[in-house]
């Protein structure tokens, strides 16, 4: 397994780039890269040459997360302005604007079928689920309070929810919190299942393996990448090598590798079997907020990896 640097775009945005994801191809367009920035814009890029396809505006503060609907026709952006904007990719028209209380909108992800948008609820210590047919809030998955805690206690403020990930089946949802814990929910029953322990600092990123629905990968400010059996509640692998916070993790489409981005300014490729980084990319000059593999069907090798950074740049690599 290896990464080969393909191209970078130096000033892709006017400010730090905090989020990226891939839009699946449609019958009208090939797959596009979606980025969100502190400059309040969302941009769509052609990965062949990193040419700008279009810019989506409307937020009045920085964009902290972007999400792509599995159809490839709809995208969403979440901002520090506490709004989620849902837009039609082809026309750029706004489909819905979802409002949340201050500091309750962080990472978000559409479920595999595209029926629900899950939003990490920050200070609400919960994940909010929005129905994508009518764009209504349909469920709130709350992390249980510690035993003996009173509603007035500030104990749950440590459960500030930063990250979220759907299992490949869409039956389970995991969220990562400021205190280093990861909570797993049964979505259909809206039921808290269990907590995964092991991190000592905020869990900023989560990703399930596309091939093994039990395997959940996490990245944390404690500089570690963990692999959990999310159903068996066990931590079975811990990998370290970054010299600062791990801000983003993703699992390759073939399930054989993990990519990570860190505030140590590097992108790393990890071999989970060796429990070690096999490659370090040093093309960014500031912290790397997002890494994302382009999904290719059937667990095949050979896909693109994108990374975005506070240095305002986007980089693309070939994974093989």
Protein backbone atom coordinates (compact mmCIF):
# COMPACT_ATOMS: atom_id res chain seq x y z
CA UNK A 1 0.00 0.00 0.00
CA UNK A 2 1.25 3.45 -0.79
CA UNK A 3 0.29 7.04 -1.50
CA UNK A 4 1.61 8.91 -4.52
CA UNK A 5 1.23 12.70 -4.46
CA UNK A 6 -0.69 13.86 -7.54
CA UNK A 7 -1.35 17.58 -7.25
CA UNK A 8 -1.96 20.41 -4.82
CA UNK A 9 -3.79 23.71 -5.07
CA UNK A 10 -2.13 26.30 -2.89
CA UNK A 11 -4.79 28.95 -2.24
CA UNK A 12 -7.96 26.92 -2.73
CA UNK A 13 -9.82 29.16 -0.25
CA UNK A 14 -9.21 32.61 1.21
CA UNK A 15 -8.75 31.12 4.68
CA UNK A 16 -8.11 27.81 6.51
CA UNK A 17 -9.78 24.74 4.95
CA UNK A 18 -11.46 22.75 7.71
CA UNK A 19 -13.45 20.03 5.94
CA UNK A 20 -13.55 17.85 2.84
CA UNK A 21 -15.53 14.95 1.42
CA UNK A 22 -16.24 13.30 -1.94
CA UNK A 23 -19.48 13.59 -3.88
CA UNK A 24 -20.31 10.28 -5.61
CA UNK A 25 -20.60 10.43 -9.41
CA UNK A 26 -24.05 10.85 -10.99
CA UNK A 27 -25.33 10.27 -14.52
CA UNK A 28 -24.58 13.95 -15.20
CA UNK A 29 -21.23 14.38 -13.51
CA UNK A 30 -18.19 12.46 -12.35
CA UNK A 31 -17.26 12.48 -8.67
CA UNK A 32 -16.38 15.88 -7.21
CA UNK A 33 -14.41 16.98 -4.17
CA UNK A 34 -16.29 19.14 -1.68
CA UNK A 35 -14.41 21.50 0.70
CA UNK A 36 -15.49 23.87 3.48
CA UNK A 37 -13.49 26.78 4.84
CA UNK A 38 -13.18 29.42 7.52
CA UNK A 39 -13.79 31.85 4.62
CA UNK A 40 -17.51 30.88 4.95
CA UNK A 41 -17.69 29.16 1.53
CA UNK A 42 -18.15 25.62 0.26
CA UNK A 43 -16.41 24.76 -3.01
CA UNK A 44 -16.78 21.91 -5.49
CA UNK A 45 -13.69 20.75 -7.38
CA UNK A 46 -12.92 18.56 -10.36
CA UNK A 47 -10.30 16.10 -9.05
CA UNK A 48 -8.72 15.66 -12.50
CA UNK A 49 -7.05 19.07 -12.35
CA UNK A 50 -8.44 20.65 -9.13
CA UNK A 51 -10.33 23.18 -11.23
CA UNK A 52 -13.17 24.98 -9.42
CA UNK A 53 -16.62 23.77 -10.53
CA UNK A 54 -18.69 26.11 -8.34
CA UNK A 55 -18.79 27.98 -5.05
CA UNK A 56 -21.65 27.83 -2.57
CA UNK A 57 -22.10 30.81 -0.25
CA UNK A 58 -24.59 31.72 2.46
CA UNK A 59 -22.90 31.04 5.78
CA UNK A 60 -21.84 34.03 7.87
CA UNK A 61 -19.12 32.18 9.84
CA UNK A 62 -16.59 29.44 9.07
CA UNK A 63 -17.68 26.06 7.68
CA UNK A 64 -16.76 23.23 10.10
CA UNK A 65 -18.16 20.25 8.19
CA UNK A 66 -19.36 19.17 4.75
CA UNK A 67 -21.42 16.08 3.90
CA UNK A 68 -22.30 14.40 0.60
CA UNK A 69 -25.58 12.60 0.01
CA UNK A 70 -25.03 9.07 -1.43
CA UNK A 71 -26.98 10.08 -4.56
CA UNK A 72 -24.28 12.65 -5.37
CA UNK A 73 -27.00 15.22 -6.04
CA UNK A 74 -27.25 16.86 -2.61
CA UNK A 75 -24.64 18.26 -0.26
CA UNK A 76 -24.75 19.88 3.17
CA UNK A 77 -22.49 22.27 5.07
CA UNK A 78 -22.40 23.07 8.79
CA UNK A 79 -21.02 26.31 10.13
CA UNK A 80 -20.05 28.12 13.31
CA UNK A 81 -23.11 30.30 12.56
CA UNK A 82 -25.20 27.33 13.88
CA UNK A 83 -26.87 26.72 10.53
CA UNK A 84 -26.75 23.67 8.28
CA UNK A 85 -27.30 24.54 4.63
CA UNK A 86 -28.49 21.79 2.28
CA UNK A 87 -28.08 22.50 -1.42
CA UNK A 88 -28.60 20.97 -4.85
CA UNK A 89 -25.16 20.21 -6.28
CA UNK A 90 -26.01 20.86 -9.94
CA UNK A 91 -28.09 24.04 -9.59
CA UNK A 92 -26.38 25.29 -6.38
CA UNK A 93 -29.87 26.19 -5.09
CA UNK A 94 -30.60 25.93 -1.37
CA UNK A 95 -32.92 23.02 -0.55
CA UNK A 96 -33.17 23.55 3.22
CA UNK A 97 -31.65 25.58 6.03
CA UNK A 98 -31.56 23.78 9.38
CA UNK A 99 -31.07 25.82 12.53
CA UNK A 100 -29.51 24.66 15.80
CA UNK A 101 -28.72 26.41 19.10
CA UNK A 102 -25.22 27.95 19.33
CA UNK A 103 -22.30 25.46 19.49
CA UNK A 104 -24.57 22.49 18.67
CA UNK A 105 -23.48 21.90 15.06
CA UNK A 106 -20.20 20.09 14.40
CA UNK A 107 -19.38 17.13 12.16
CA UNK A 108 -22.18 15.54 10.15
CA UNK A 109 -22.72 12.59 7.83
CA UNK A 110 -25.57 11.18 5.72
CA UNK A 111 -26.51 7.57 6.44
CA UNK A 112 -25.66 5.02 3.70
CA UNK A 113 -29.22 5.05 2.30
CA UNK A 114 -29.45 8.84 2.34
CA UNK A 115 -32.62 9.00 4.44
CA UNK A 116 -31.05 10.66 7.50
CA UNK A 117 -28.45 13.33 8.21
CA UNK A 118 -26.65 12.83 11.54
CA UNK A 119 -25.17 15.94 13.17
CA UNK A 120 -22.73 15.93 16.08
CA UNK A 121 -24.53 18.09 18.62
CA UNK A 122 -21.62 19.72 20.45
CA UNK A 123 -22.66 21.11 23.81
CA UNK A 124 -26.03 19.28 23.69
CA UNK A 125 -24.11 16.01 24.40
CA UNK A 126 -26.15 14.33 21.67
CA UNK A 127 -26.43 13.51 17.99
CA UNK A 128 -29.33 15.06 16.10
CA UNK A 129 -30.96 13.09 13.28
CA UNK A 130 -32.65 14.99 10.45
CA UNK A 131 -35.01 13.32 7.98
CA UNK A 132 -33.92 14.09 4.40
CA UNK A 133 -37.42 13.84 2.89
CA UNK A 134 -38.86 16.80 4.80
CA UNK A 135 -35.71 18.11 6.56
CA UNK A 136 -37.31 17.77 9.98
CA UNK A 137 -35.53 16.85 13.20
CA UNK A 138 -36.73 13.29 13.84
CA UNK A 139 -34.58 12.07 16.73
CA UNK A 140 -32.04 13.11 19.35
CA UNK A 141 -29.60 10.44 20.50
CA UNK A 142 -28.42 11.64 23.90
CA UNK A 143 -25.36 10.37 25.75
CA UNK A 144 -26.54 9.23 29.20
CA UNK A 145 -25.45 11.34 32.16
CA UNK A 146 -22.96 9.76 34.57
CA UNK A 147 -24.72 7.87 37.35
CA UNK A 148 -25.59 10.13 40.25
CA UNK A 149 -25.24 13.31 38.19
CA UNK A 150 -27.96 15.90 38.61
CA UNK A 151 -29.43 17.67 35.58
CA UNK A 152 -27.87 20.89 36.84
CA UNK A 153 -24.38 19.36 36.98
CA UNK A 154 -21.89 20.48 34.39
CA UNK A 155 -20.52 16.92 34.19
CA UNK A 156 -22.01 16.31 30.75
CA UNK A 157 -20.22 19.35 29.31
CA UNK A 158 -17.23 17.03 28.88
CA UNK A 159 -19.47 14.98 26.57
CA UNK A 160 -19.34 17.83 24.02
CA UNK A 161 -19.88 15.84 20.79
CA UNK A 162 -17.40 16.64 18.03
CA UNK A 163 -17.49 13.72 15.60
CA UNK A 164 -19.96 11.25 14.15
CA UNK A 165 -19.90 8.14 11.90
CA UNK A 166 -22.50 5.72 10.54
CA UNK A 167 -21.81 2.00 10.39
CA UNK A 168 -21.88 0.63 6.80
CA UNK A 169 -25.31 -0.94 7.42
CA UNK A 170 -26.72 2.32 8.81
CA UNK A 171 -27.99 0.45 11.86
CA UNK A 172 -25.49 1.91 14.30
CA UNK A 173 -24.05 5.35 14.84
CA UNK A 174 -20.94 6.34 16.79
CA UNK A 175 -20.03 9.75 18.16
CA UNK A 176 -16.81 11.05 19.70
CA UNK A 177 -16.67 13.48 22.61
CA UNK A 178 -14.39 16.07 24.16
CA UNK A 179 -13.61 13.76 27.13
CA UNK A 180 -12.15 11.06 24.87
CA UNK A 181 -15.13 8.69 25.04
CA UNK A 182 -16.98 7.24 22.05
CA UNK A 183 -20.70 6.44 22.32
CA UNK A 184 -22.43 3.85 20.14
CA UNK A 185 -26.19 3.93 19.43
CA UNK A 186 -28.75 1.62 17.88
CA UNK A 187 -30.40 4.09 15.52
CA UNK A 188 -33.65 2.22 14.81
CA UNK A 189 -34.43 1.87 18.50
CA UNK A 190 -32.90 5.28 19.32
CA UNK A 191 -31.04 3.45 22.07
CA UNK A 192 -27.65 4.11 23.65
CA UNK A 193 -25.72 0.80 23.47
CA UNK A 194 -22.33 1.37 25.08
CA UNK A 195 -19.29 3.54 25.46
CA UNK A 196 -15.83 2.81 24.02
CA UNK A 197 -12.96 3.92 26.25
CA UNK A 198 -9.27 4.38 25.62
CA UNK A 199 -8.67 7.95 24.49
CA UNK A 200 -7.69 10.56 27.07
CA UNK A 201 -8.43 13.68 24.99
CA UNK A 202 -11.04 14.90 22.45
CA UNK A 203 -12.04 12.44 19.69
CA UNK A 204 -12.18 14.63 16.60
CA UNK A 205 -12.72 12.00 13.93
CA UNK A 206 -14.37 8.59 13.47
CA UNK A 207 -14.61 6.21 10.51
CA UNK A 208 -16.02 2.71 10.16
CA UNK A 209 -14.29 0.17 7.93
CA UNK A 210 -16.29 -0.17 4.70
CA UNK A 211 -15.61 -3.92 4.69
CA UNK A 212 -16.00 -4.91 8.34
CA UNK A 213 -18.95 -3.16 9.99
CA UNK A 214 -17.60 -3.92 13.46
CA UNK A 215 -14.33 -2.03 13.00
CA UNK A 216 -14.40 1.60 14.09
CA UNK A 217 -11.33 3.84 13.76
CA UNK A 218 -10.85 6.99 15.84
CA UNK A 219 -8.40 9.89 15.93
CA UNK A 220 -7.79 11.99 19.02
CA UNK A 221 -5.89 14.94 20.47
CA UNK A 222 -3.94 12.34 22.50
CA UNK A 223 -1.97 11.72 19.26
CA UNK A 224 -3.30 8.15 18.97
CA UNK A 225 -5.36 6.29 16.40
CA UNK A 226 -7.51 3.53 17.89
CA UNK A 227 -9.29 0.58 16.32
CA UNK A 228 -12.31 -0.78 18.18
CA UNK A 229 -14.66 -3.70 17.80
CA UNK A 230 -17.64 -1.38 18.06
CA UNK A 231 -20.03 -4.26 18.72
CA UNK A 232 -17.84 -6.19 21.14
CA UNK A 233 -16.91 -2.98 22.97
CA UNK A 234 -13.18 -3.74 22.81
CA UNK A 235 -10.15 -1.67 21.85
CA UNK A 236 -8.01 -4.08 19.82
CA UNK A 237 -5.34 -1.79 18.36
CA UNK A 238 -3.70 1.53 19.20
CA UNK A 239 -1.28 3.26 16.86
CA UNK A 240 0.91 6.27 17.58
CA UNK A 241 3.39 8.24 15.51
CA UNK A 242 1.95 11.72 15.08
CA UNK A 243 3.68 14.36 17.23
CA UNK A 244 0.47 16.33 17.79
CA UNK A 245 -3.34 16.06 17.67
CA UNK A 246 -4.91 13.63 15.19
CA UNK A 247 -7.59 15.76 13.55
CA UNK A 248 -8.94 13.40 10.91
CA UNK A 249 -8.97 9.67 10.06
CA UNK A 250 -10.44 7.64 7.21
CA UNK A 251 -10.35 3.98 6.15
CA UNK A 252 -9.40 3.08 2.57
CA UNK A 253 -12.10 1.57 0.32
CA UNK A 254 -10.32 -1.81 0.40
CA UNK A 255 -10.27 -1.70 4.22
CA UNK A 256 -6.52 -2.37 4.23
CA UNK A 257 -5.19 1.08 5.19
CA UNK A 258 -5.98 4.09 7.37
CA UNK A 259 -5.15 7.70 6.47
CA UNK A 260 -4.76 10.40 9.10
CA UNK A 261 -4.26 14.16 9.18
CA UNK A 262 -2.70 15.94 12.14
CA UNK A 263 -1.79 19.29 13.59
CA UNK A 264 1.83 18.12 13.16
CA UNK A 265 1.20 19.14 9.49
CA UNK A 266 1.53 15.62 8.11
CA UNK A 267 -0.71 13.11 6.37
CA UNK A 268 0.11 9.52 7.28
CA UNK A 269 -0.83 6.15 5.81
CA UNK A 270 -1.11 3.32 8.34
CA UNK A 271 -1.05 -0.44 7.98
CA UNK A 272 -3.42 -1.73 10.71
CA UNK A 273 -1.88 -5.21 10.56
CA UNK A 274 1.58 -3.79 11.30
CA UNK A 275 0.07 -1.23 13.71
CA UNK A 276 2.41 1.36 12.23
CA UNK A 277 2.60 4.24 9.77
CA UNK A 278 4.05 3.08 6.46
CA UNK A 279 4.22 6.52 4.83
CA UNK A 280 4.32 10.19 5.86
CA UNK A 281 3.41 13.00 3.45
CA UNK A 282 4.86 16.42 4.33
CA UNK A 283 3.48 18.67 1.58
CA UNK A 284 1.26 20.74 3.93
CA UNK A 285 2.75 23.66 5.88
CA UNK A 286 0.06 23.85 8.59
CA UNK A 287 -2.28 21.52 10.45
CA UNK A 288 -4.25 19.03 8.36
CA UNK A 289 -7.95 19.18 9.30
CA UNK A 290 -9.34 16.67 6.83
CA UNK A 291 -8.38 13.46 5.00
CA UNK A 292 -10.88 11.54 2.89
CA UNK A 293 -10.66 8.60 0.50
CA UNK A 294 -12.83 8.60 -2.60
CA UNK A 295 -15.14 5.60 -2.31
CA UNK A 296 -14.73 2.97 -5.02
CA UNK A 297 -17.06 0.01 -5.22
CA UNK A 298 -16.36 -3.55 -4.19
CA UNK A 299 -13.43 -2.87 -1.89
CA UNK A 300 -11.08 -2.29 -4.83
CA UNK A 301 -7.70 -0.69 -4.47
CA UNK A 302 -6.82 2.37 -6.47
CA UNK A 303 -8.63 5.46 -5.30
CA UNK A 304 -7.88 9.09 -4.55
CA UNK A 305 -7.16 10.56 -1.12
CA UNK A 306 -7.76 14.24 -0.47
CA UNK A 307 -6.31 16.33 2.35
CA UNK A 308 -7.10 19.91 3.43
CA UNK A 309 -5.26 22.21 5.77
CA UNK A 310 -5.01 25.49 7.64
CA UNK A 311 -2.45 26.43 4.95
CA UNK A 312 -5.51 27.00 2.64
CA UNK A 313 -4.42 24.22 0.28
CA UNK A 314 -5.92 20.99 -1.04
CA UNK A 315 -3.73 17.99 -1.89
CA UNK A 316 -4.64 14.86 -3.83
CA UNK A 317 -2.84 11.52 -3.70
CA UNK A 318 -3.26 8.24 -5.50
CA UNK A 319 -3.74 5.31 -3.13
CA UNK A 320 -2.70 1.91 -4.47
